[in-house]
Amino acid sequence: MSSGERAVSNSSPLIWLSKINRLSLLRFLFGEVAIPEKVKMETASGQSADSISIKGAVEEGWVKVSEEEEEEEEEEEGLASALAKVSGIHLGEAEAILLARRLDARLLVDERGASATAQVFGVRSMGTVGVLLLALAEKQLTLDEFEECLDLLIATGFWLTVDVYKRAMEEARSLAGKRK
């Protein structure tokens, strides 16, 4: 059951959700997730457990690598390179922003600068914590599972301020209270 909303992901949400064994939430929430080739190279080419998990999602076909004609690809790479340089974001983030804009999709990205750049381009974004909140709202996580996911993210190196953690838990409690 997906929301029907299209999604394009940058590397970080794929990696973090995979690290806490919740990558499949993206499949439930969005059906398919598009990624630029650069994101595939960053996430699915290694031998770590999360890389193997992401590679499996690509092979299953629900994480789809954007395929463009060679001429379009060169033009898009040039735009992405210029966007990355001007905005100070990584090339993979720039490619994901442009792909989300082209597909009229929500961008999954954790980096504040990339999210702000996406907003300038009229692209809605959501981070890993937002994905977990959406999963809670869609009854794919319980409140306890949500909190466990946040704690696991932090334990595996995800940077989250105390204030953001508290706000996420408040929102989660509110969502969980509405479900009863």
Protein backbone atom coordinates (compact mmCIF):
# COMPACT_ATOMS: atom_id res chain seq x y z
CA MET A 1 0.00 0.00 0.00
CA SER A 2 1.72 3.18 -1.12
CA SER A 3 0.64 6.77 -0.76
CA GLY A 4 0.75 7.21 -4.52
CA GLU A 5 3.29 9.98 -4.05
CA ARG A 6 6.47 9.60 -6.05
CA ALA A 7 9.82 9.70 -4.28
CA VAL A 8 13.42 10.27 -5.26
CA SER A 9 16.10 9.47 -2.72
CA ASN A 10 19.51 10.79 -2.01
CA SER A 11 22.05 8.41 -0.48
CA SER A 12 21.59 9.14 3.22
CA PRO A 13 17.96 8.01 3.78
CA LEU A 14 18.67 4.77 1.89
CA ILE A 15 21.79 4.10 3.94
CA TRP A 16 20.33 5.02 7.34
CA LEU A 17 17.08 3.11 6.84
CA SER A 18 19.08 0.13 5.66
CA LYS A 19 21.39 0.34 8.70
CA ILE A 20 18.37 0.01 11.02
CA ASN A 21 16.75 -2.67 8.85
CA ARG A 22 13.82 -0.44 7.80
CA LEU A 23 14.56 0.12 4.10
CA SER A 24 11.35 -1.72 3.22
CA LEU A 25 9.34 1.16 4.72
CA LEU A 26 10.13 3.13 1.56
CA ARG A 27 8.58 0.40 -0.57
CA PHE A 28 5.42 0.44 1.50
CA LEU A 29 5.17 4.23 1.66
CA PHE A 30 6.05 5.08 -1.94
CA GLY A 31 5.87 1.86 -3.96
CA GLU A 32 8.90 2.82 -6.00
CA VAL A 33 11.82 5.08 -5.22
CA ALA A 34 13.86 6.63 -8.03
CA ILE A 35 17.56 7.35 -7.61
CA PRO A 36 20.16 8.95 -9.85
CA GLU A 37 23.05 6.80 -11.06
CA LYS A 38 25.43 8.69 -8.73
CA VAL A 39 23.32 7.68 -5.72
CA LYS A 40 23.39 4.04 -6.85
CA MET A 41 27.17 4.20 -7.06
CA GLU A 42 27.35 5.74 -3.56
CA THR A 43 24.97 3.27 -1.93
CA ALA A 44 24.88 -0.06 -3.75
CA SER A 45 28.41 -0.76 -4.90
CA GLY A 46 30.12 -1.77 -1.65
CA GLN A 47 30.12 -4.93 0.42
CA SER A 48 28.66 -3.54 3.67
CA ALA A 49 25.35 -4.93 4.89
CA ASP A 50 23.50 -1.71 4.04
CA SER A 51 25.04 -1.61 0.56
CA ILE A 52 23.98 -5.21 -0.09
CA SER A 53 20.47 -4.42 1.15
CA ILE A 54 20.16 -1.40 -1.16
CA LYS A 55 21.60 -3.40 -4.07
CA GLY A 56 18.88 -6.01 -3.39
CA ALA A 57 16.17 -3.34 -3.56
CA VAL A 58 17.56 -2.18 -6.91
CA GLU A 59 17.61 -5.77 -8.19
CA GLU A 60 14.03 -6.30 -6.96
CA GLY A 61 13.07 -3.25 -9.03
CA TRP A 62 11.37 -1.07 -6.44
CA VAL A 63 14.43 1.18 -6.17
CA LYS A 64 14.83 2.34 -9.74
CA VAL A 65 17.94 3.92 -11.18
CA SER A 66 17.03 6.85 -13.45
CA GLU A 67 17.86 6.09 -17.05
CA GLU A 68 18.17 8.92 -19.51
CA GLU A 69 19.19 9.27 -23.09
CA GLU A 70 22.91 10.02 -23.45
CA GLU A 71 22.32 13.61 -24.60
CA GLU A 72 19.89 14.30 -21.75
CA GLU A 73 22.28 12.64 -19.31
CA GLU A 74 25.16 14.92 -20.33
CA GLU A 75 22.94 18.00 -20.01
CA GLU A 76 21.63 16.85 -16.60
CA GLU A 77 25.17 16.12 -15.37
CA GLY A 78 26.23 19.63 -16.39
CA LEU A 79 23.27 21.16 -14.56
CA ALA A 80 23.89 19.01 -11.50
CA SER A 81 27.57 19.92 -11.45
CA ALA A 82 26.76 23.64 -11.69
CA LEU A 83 24.08 23.33 -9.00
CA ALA A 84 26.46 21.51 -6.67
CA LYS A 85 29.15 24.12 -7.19
CA VAL A 86 26.87 27.13 -6.71
CA SER A 87 24.96 25.75 -3.72
CA GLY A 88 27.80 23.92 -1.99
CA ILE A 89 26.01 20.56 -1.95
CA HIS A 90 27.32 17.20 -3.13
CA LEU A 91 26.87 16.11 -6.74
CA GLY A 92 24.61 13.19 -5.75
CA GLU A 93 22.34 15.60 -3.87
CA ALA A 94 22.20 17.93 -6.87
CA GLU A 95 21.35 15.05 -9.20
CA ALA A 96 18.62 13.87 -6.81
CA ILE A 97 17.12 17.37 -6.60
CA LEU A 98 17.00 17.71 -10.39
CA LEU A 99 15.52 14.22 -10.78
CA ALA A 100 12.85 14.93 -8.15
CA ARG A 101 12.00 18.17 -9.93
CA ARG A 102 11.77 16.43 -13.30
CA LEU A 103 9.56 13.64 -11.89
CA ASP A 104 7.51 15.98 -9.68
CA ALA A 105 8.42 13.77 -6.73
CA ARG A 106 9.21 14.23 -3.06
CA LEU A 107 12.94 14.26 -2.34
CA LEU A 108 14.25 12.08 0.48
CA VAL A 109 17.32 13.83 1.85
CA ASP A 110 18.81 14.48 5.28
CA GLU A 111 21.27 17.28 4.60
CA ARG A 112 19.92 20.71 5.49
CA GLY A 113 21.69 22.49 2.60
CA ALA A 114 20.31 20.06 0.04
CA SER A 115 16.83 20.36 1.51
CA ALA A 116 17.02 24.18 1.32
CA THR A 117 18.29 24.00 -2.26
CA ALA A 118 15.45 21.64 -3.18
CA GLN A 119 12.95 24.10 -1.72
CA VAL A 120 14.35 26.86 -3.97
CA PHE A 121 13.58 24.58 -6.92
CA GLY A 122 10.05 23.89 -5.70
CA VAL A 123 10.88 20.33 -4.61
CA ARG A 124 9.33 19.06 -1.37
CA SER A 125 11.71 17.15 0.82
CA MET A 126 11.60 14.77 3.76
CA GLY A 127 14.41 13.31 5.84
CA THR A 128 14.89 9.92 7.41
CA VAL A 129 13.08 10.98 10.60
CA GLY A 130 10.19 12.25 8.47
CA VAL A 131 10.01 8.86 6.73
CA LEU A 132 9.77 7.17 10.13
CA LEU A 133 7.02 9.60 11.21
CA LEU A 134 5.12 8.88 7.98
CA ALA A 135 5.50 5.15 8.62
CA LEU A 136 4.08 5.67 12.12
CA ALA A 137 1.15 7.64 10.69
CA GLU A 138 0.55 4.84 8.17
CA LYS A 139 0.59 2.24 10.98
CA GLN A 140 3.77 0.60 9.74
CA LEU A 141 5.48 1.35 13.05
CA THR A 142 4.21 1.48 16.62
CA LEU A 143 5.26 4.32 18.88
CA ASP A 144 7.73 2.00 20.62
CA GLU A 145 9.17 0.89 17.26
CA PHE A 146 9.49 4.52 16.19
CA GLU A 147 11.46 5.37 19.33
CA GLU A 148 13.58 2.24 18.86
CA CYS A 149 14.34 3.34 15.28
CA LEU A 150 15.43 6.80 16.44
CA ASP A 151 17.66 5.27 19.10
CA LEU A 152 19.15 2.81 16.58
CA LEU A 153 19.84 5.64 14.15
CA ILE A 154 21.74 7.54 16.83
CA ALA A 155 23.58 4.39 17.94
CA THR A 156 24.77 3.81 14.36
CA GLY A 157 26.04 7.37 13.94
CA PHE A 158 23.04 9.41 12.73
CA TRP A 159 23.42 12.96 14.03
CA LEU A 160 20.29 14.24 15.76
CA THR A 161 20.13 17.13 18.21
CA VAL A 162 18.33 16.69 21.51
CA ASP A 163 15.76 19.28 20.40
CA VAL A 164 15.02 17.46 17.14
CA TYR A 165 14.77 14.16 19.00
CA LYS A 166 12.28 15.68 21.47
CA ARG A 167 10.22 17.26 18.67
CA ALA A 168 10.17 13.99 16.73
CA MET A 169 8.97 12.11 19.82
CA GLU A 170 6.28 14.75 20.51
CA GLU A 171 5.05 14.46 16.92
CA ALA A 172 5.17 10.66 17.17
CA ARG A 173 3.13 10.67 20.40
CA SER A 174 0.61 12.98 18.76
CA LEU A 175 0.33 10.71 15.71
CA ALA A 176 0.05 7.60 17.88
CA GLY A 177 -2.65 9.27 19.96
CA LYS A 178 -4.70 10.07 16.84
CA ARG A 179 -4.65 6.40 15.78
CA LYS A 180 -6.48 5.10 18.83
